């Protein structure tokens, strides 16, 4: 599924086969993650037992879903973030990093503010000096940058700093809420200032639902249209009535 048929120059970083699979797997993984995260948000019924509010659930679920869809590629590999349980997803030498922007996609899709901990909250914890409470709370709108188990954008940027010239970063960025997924884009990215990413020629991806096995089966057809009187009993032939002398 290639939504935008005009090829981007950075598409050449992937093999044609990997590119086609990624263009389909990325929106599918985000929609699958939204379904499981929204369910966990209201009913705590995540298949892996994750119990998080919506934003954190997406950060974990998108990486899991994307890995399950592209893990069979010969070019796929995972790289552990040193000293943590977090993992980064690579296709060849391209680090593919998914990140939720928020409930709405900004108008300028080439210069996007990345999720971060608000300064007021950071300063509050700094003044308090109690690290025990320096963590996500139930009512926070959590993002990938605040979840310990999910890879952070800082992990991705640090990895590239260590591998200058060999590896590249392609960010999948999307908007979503517990009610549904909004826009999905992916593009090569670089850090701009402290809290922004600049994107080169973003490509929009659209989720296309795959028909179920039941829906894919052809419906039973009949050569004749069925009517109310149809049945297995023999049909009589209509005959013209011949008037007699006693007929009115």
Protein backbone atom coordinates (compact mmCIF):
# COMPACT_ATOMS: atom_id res chain seq x y z
CA UNK A 1 0.00 0.00 0.00
CA UNK A 2 1.77 3.17 -1.20
CA UNK A 3 -0.54 6.06 -0.46
CA UNK A 4 1.56 8.79 -2.08
CA UNK A 5 2.72 7.55 -5.46
CA UNK A 6 5.42 10.25 -5.88
CA UNK A 7 8.67 8.69 -4.70
CA UNK A 8 10.78 10.57 -2.18
CA UNK A 9 14.56 10.64 -2.64
CA UNK A 10 14.99 9.08 0.81
CA UNK A 11 12.95 6.05 -0.27
CA UNK A 12 16.16 4.80 -1.87
CA UNK A 13 17.56 4.19 1.62
CA UNK A 14 15.30 1.11 1.72
CA UNK A 15 15.07 -1.80 -0.68
CA UNK A 16 11.84 -1.77 -2.74
CA UNK A 17 10.54 -4.79 -0.82
CA UNK A 18 11.29 -3.29 2.62
CA UNK A 19 9.78 0.05 1.59
CA UNK A 20 6.50 -1.54 0.48
CA UNK A 21 6.23 -3.55 3.69
CA UNK A 22 6.98 -0.53 5.89
CA UNK A 23 4.43 1.65 4.12
CA UNK A 24 1.77 -0.92 4.98
CA UNK A 25 3.06 -2.06 8.38
CA UNK A 26 3.46 1.40 9.92
CA UNK A 27 -0.19 2.58 9.72
CA UNK A 28 -1.41 -0.93 10.56
CA UNK A 29 0.75 -1.08 13.69
CA UNK A 30 -0.46 2.35 14.84
CA UNK A 31 -4.12 1.43 14.41
CA UNK A 32 -3.62 -1.92 16.13
CA UNK A 33 -1.86 -0.14 18.98
CA UNK A 34 -4.65 2.43 19.27
CA UNK A 35 -7.22 -0.35 19.59
CA UNK A 36 -5.36 -2.14 22.38
CA UNK A 37 -4.31 1.04 24.19
CA UNK A 38 -7.80 2.55 24.13
CA UNK A 39 -9.17 -0.71 25.51
CA UNK A 40 -6.53 -0.81 28.25
CA UNK A 41 -7.27 2.83 29.07
CA UNK A 42 -10.89 2.07 30.00
CA UNK A 43 -10.95 -1.63 30.84
CA UNK A 44 -7.34 -2.76 31.55
CA UNK A 45 -7.62 -5.58 29.04
CA UNK A 46 -4.34 -5.24 27.18
CA UNK A 47 -3.28 -8.64 25.80
CA UNK A 48 0.18 -8.25 27.36
CA UNK A 49 -1.16 -7.08 30.69
CA UNK A 50 0.05 -3.49 30.25
CA UNK A 51 -1.93 -1.15 32.48
CA UNK A 52 -1.20 2.43 31.48
CA UNK A 53 -3.11 5.55 30.59
CA UNK A 54 -3.57 6.16 26.89
CA UNK A 55 -0.39 8.05 25.91
CA UNK A 56 1.95 5.61 27.63
CA UNK A 57 0.03 2.67 26.23
CA UNK A 58 0.59 3.93 22.69
CA UNK A 59 4.32 4.40 23.25
CA UNK A 60 4.68 0.77 24.26
CA UNK A 61 2.11 -0.75 21.92
CA UNK A 62 3.24 0.87 18.64
CA UNK A 63 6.76 -0.49 19.04
CA UNK A 64 5.42 -3.95 19.88
CA UNK A 65 2.98 -3.98 16.96
CA UNK A 66 5.53 -2.62 14.48
CA UNK A 67 8.12 -5.18 15.55
CA UNK A 68 5.61 -8.00 15.07
CA UNK A 69 4.93 -6.85 11.49
CA UNK A 70 8.49 -6.15 10.29
CA UNK A 71 10.42 -8.58 12.50
CA UNK A 72 10.54 -11.14 9.69
CA UNK A 73 12.52 -8.88 7.35
CA UNK A 74 16.08 -10.02 6.70
CA UNK A 75 17.23 -6.42 7.21
CA UNK A 76 15.44 -6.02 10.57
CA UNK A 77 17.40 -5.85 13.80
CA UNK A 78 16.91 -4.61 17.35
CA UNK A 79 19.50 -2.61 19.23
CA UNK A 80 19.38 -2.40 23.02
CA UNK A 81 19.77 0.96 24.75
CA UNK A 82 22.71 0.51 27.08
CA UNK A 83 21.75 0.15 30.73
CA UNK A 84 17.99 -0.09 30.05
CA UNK A 85 15.39 -2.54 28.81
CA UNK A 86 14.52 -0.24 25.91
CA UNK A 87 15.07 -1.29 22.29
CA UNK A 88 15.50 0.57 19.00
CA UNK A 89 14.16 -0.80 15.72
CA UNK A 90 16.40 -0.83 12.65
CA UNK A 91 15.76 -1.76 9.02
CA UNK A 92 19.21 -2.00 7.53
CA UNK A 93 21.09 1.10 8.68
CA UNK A 94 17.88 3.10 9.13
CA UNK A 95 16.62 3.64 12.67
CA UNK A 96 12.80 3.67 12.38
CA UNK A 97 11.45 5.51 15.41
CA UNK A 98 7.68 5.93 16.05
CA UNK A 99 6.54 8.84 18.19
CA UNK A 100 3.11 10.18 19.14
CA UNK A 101 2.90 13.95 18.68
CA UNK A 102 -0.35 14.38 20.59
CA UNK A 103 -4.10 14.36 19.93
CA UNK A 104 -3.73 16.71 16.91
CA UNK A 105 -1.16 17.05 14.15
CA UNK A 106 0.30 20.60 13.85
CA UNK A 107 -0.19 22.50 10.60
CA UNK A 108 3.54 22.68 9.92
CA UNK A 109 4.36 19.02 9.50
CA UNK A 110 8.00 19.78 8.63
CA UNK A 111 8.87 21.42 11.97
CA UNK A 112 7.23 19.59 14.87
CA UNK A 113 7.55 20.01 18.60
CA UNK A 114 8.38 16.68 20.19
CA UNK A 115 6.76 15.44 23.42
CA UNK A 116 8.61 16.31 26.58
CA UNK A 117 8.06 16.84 30.29
CA UNK A 118 6.64 20.37 30.87
CA UNK A 119 9.14 22.81 32.42
CA UNK A 120 6.77 23.66 35.27
CA UNK A 121 6.52 20.02 36.27
CA UNK A 122 10.27 19.48 35.91
CA UNK A 123 10.97 22.54 38.08
CA UNK A 124 8.47 21.36 40.67
CA UNK A 125 10.23 18.05 41.08
CA UNK A 126 13.64 19.78 41.10
CA UNK A 127 12.59 22.02 43.98
CA UNK A 128 11.01 19.14 45.89
CA UNK A 129 14.16 17.07 45.47
CA UNK A 130 12.27 13.81 45.99
CA UNK A 131 12.95 11.49 43.07
CA UNK A 132 10.43 8.97 44.43
CA UNK A 133 7.59 11.05 42.99
CA UNK A 134 9.36 12.07 39.79
CA UNK A 135 7.34 9.75 37.60
CA UNK A 136 4.13 9.61 35.55
CA UNK A 137 0.84 9.91 37.37
CA UNK A 138 -2.48 8.44 36.35
CA UNK A 139 -3.90 11.68 34.95
CA UNK A 140 -0.89 12.85 32.96
CA UNK A 141 -1.03 12.84 29.16
CA UNK A 142 2.01 10.60 28.90
CA UNK A 143 4.16 10.37 25.80
CA UNK A 144 6.93 8.19 24.44
CA UNK A 145 9.53 10.52 25.96
CA UNK A 146 8.33 9.78 29.51
CA UNK A 147 7.92 6.01 29.44
CA UNK A 148 10.82 4.00 30.79
CA UNK A 149 9.96 0.80 28.94
CA UNK A 150 9.45 2.44 25.55
CA UNK A 151 12.40 3.90 23.66
CA UNK A 152 12.82 7.66 23.88
CA UNK A 153 13.64 10.08 21.09
CA UNK A 154 16.77 10.87 23.10
CA UNK A 155 17.82 7.24 22.77
CA UNK A 156 17.54 7.49 19.00
CA UNK A 157 19.49 10.74 18.77
CA UNK A 158 22.20 9.46 21.11
CA UNK A 159 22.58 6.33 19.00
CA UNK A 160 23.08 8.39 15.85
CA UNK A 161 25.65 10.59 17.58
CA UNK A 162 27.69 7.46 18.27
CA UNK A 163 27.37 6.19 14.69
CA UNK A 164 28.00 9.34 12.64
CA UNK A 165 27.82 8.73 8.91
CA UNK A 166 26.66 5.12 9.08
CA UNK A 167 23.11 5.17 10.40
CA UNK A 168 20.16 7.45 9.63
CA UNK A 169 16.97 8.34 11.49
CA UNK A 170 13.48 8.07 9.97
CA UNK A 171 10.75 9.14 12.37
CA UNK A 172 7.17 7.93 12.20
CA UNK A 173 5.08 10.67 13.80
CA UNK A 174 1.33 10.54 14.28
CA UNK A 175 -1.57 12.09 16.17
CA UNK A 176 -4.07 10.02 18.09
CA UNK A 177 -6.40 9.86 21.06
CA UNK A 178 -8.33 7.09 22.76
CA UNK A 179 -11.09 7.80 20.22
CA UNK A 180 -9.02 7.16 17.11
CA UNK A 181 -5.92 7.82 15.00
CA UNK A 182 -5.42 11.08 13.14
CA UNK A 183 -2.63 11.86 10.67
CA UNK A 184 0.39 9.60 10.12
CA UNK A 185 3.63 10.79 8.53
CA UNK A 186 7.17 9.47 8.24
CA UNK A 187 10.34 11.15 7.05
CA UNK A 188 14.05 11.58 7.78
CA UNK A 189 14.47 13.79 10.84
CA UNK A 190 17.07 15.86 12.65
CA UNK A 191 16.94 17.66 15.99
CA UNK A 192 16.27 21.41 15.83
CA UNK A 193 16.94 23.22 19.07
CA UNK A 194 15.86 21.41 22.22
CA UNK A 195 12.28 20.36 21.52
CA UNK A 196 11.78 20.29 17.75
CA UNK A 197 12.40 17.88 14.90
CA UNK A 198 12.83 19.05 11.31
CA UNK A 199 11.57 16.64 8.62
CA UNK A 200 12.66 16.32 4.99
CA UNK A 201 9.85 15.60 2.50
CA UNK A 202 7.34 13.89 4.83
CA UNK A 203 5.15 11.19 3.35
CA UNK A 204 1.58 10.66 4.51
CA UNK A 205 0.49 7.08 5.23
CA UNK A 206 -3.10 5.88 5.42
CA UNK A 207 -4.43 2.80 7.13
CA UNK A 208 -6.40 0.44 4.87
CA UNK A 209 -8.33 -2.24 6.72
CA UNK A 210 -7.77 -5.73 5.41
CA UNK A 211 -10.97 -7.72 4.70
CA UNK A 212 -11.66 -10.56 7.09
CA UNK A 213 -11.66 -14.15 5.86
CA UNK A 214 -15.44 -14.27 6.18
CA UNK A 215 -15.91 -11.04 4.23
CA UNK A 216 -13.49 -12.21 1.56
CA UNK A 217 -15.59 -15.27 0.69
CA UNK A 218 -17.81 -14.72 -2.35
CA UNK A 219 -21.50 -14.51 -1.58
CA UNK A 220 -23.76 -17.30 -2.77
CA UNK A 221 -25.38 -16.43 -6.06
CA UNK A 222 -28.39 -17.79 -7.89
CA UNK A 223 -29.20 -17.68 -11.56
CA UNK A 224 -32.80 -16.67 -10.82
CA UNK A 225 -34.09 -13.98 -8.54
CA UNK A 226 -35.95 -15.19 -5.46
CA UNK A 227 -39.50 -14.02 -4.86
CA UNK A 228 -42.06 -14.61 -2.14
CA UNK A 229 -43.70 -17.52 -4.03
CA UNK A 230 -40.46 -19.35 -4.82
CA UNK A 231 -40.15 -22.83 -3.39
CA UNK A 232 -39.44 -26.45 -4.21
CA UNK A 233 -43.06 -27.33 -5.07
CA UNK A 234 -43.85 -27.68 -8.82
CA UNK A 235 -45.15 -24.59 -10.54
CA UNK A 236 -48.44 -24.71 -12.51
CA UNK A 237 -48.83 -23.09 -15.89
CA UNK A 238 -51.28 -20.22 -16.13
CA UNK A 239 -54.05 -20.84 -18.70
CA UNK A 240 -56.54 -18.48 -20.26
CA UNK A 241 -60.05 -19.11 -18.95
CA UNK A 242 -62.58 -19.97 -21.69
CA UNK A 243 -65.99 -18.42 -21.00
CA UNK A 244 -69.05 -20.77 -21.01
CA UNK A 245 -72.79 -20.20 -21.50
CA UNK A 246 -73.33 -20.00 -17.74
CA UNK A 247 -70.54 -17.46 -17.19
CA UNK A 248 -71.75 -13.96 -16.34
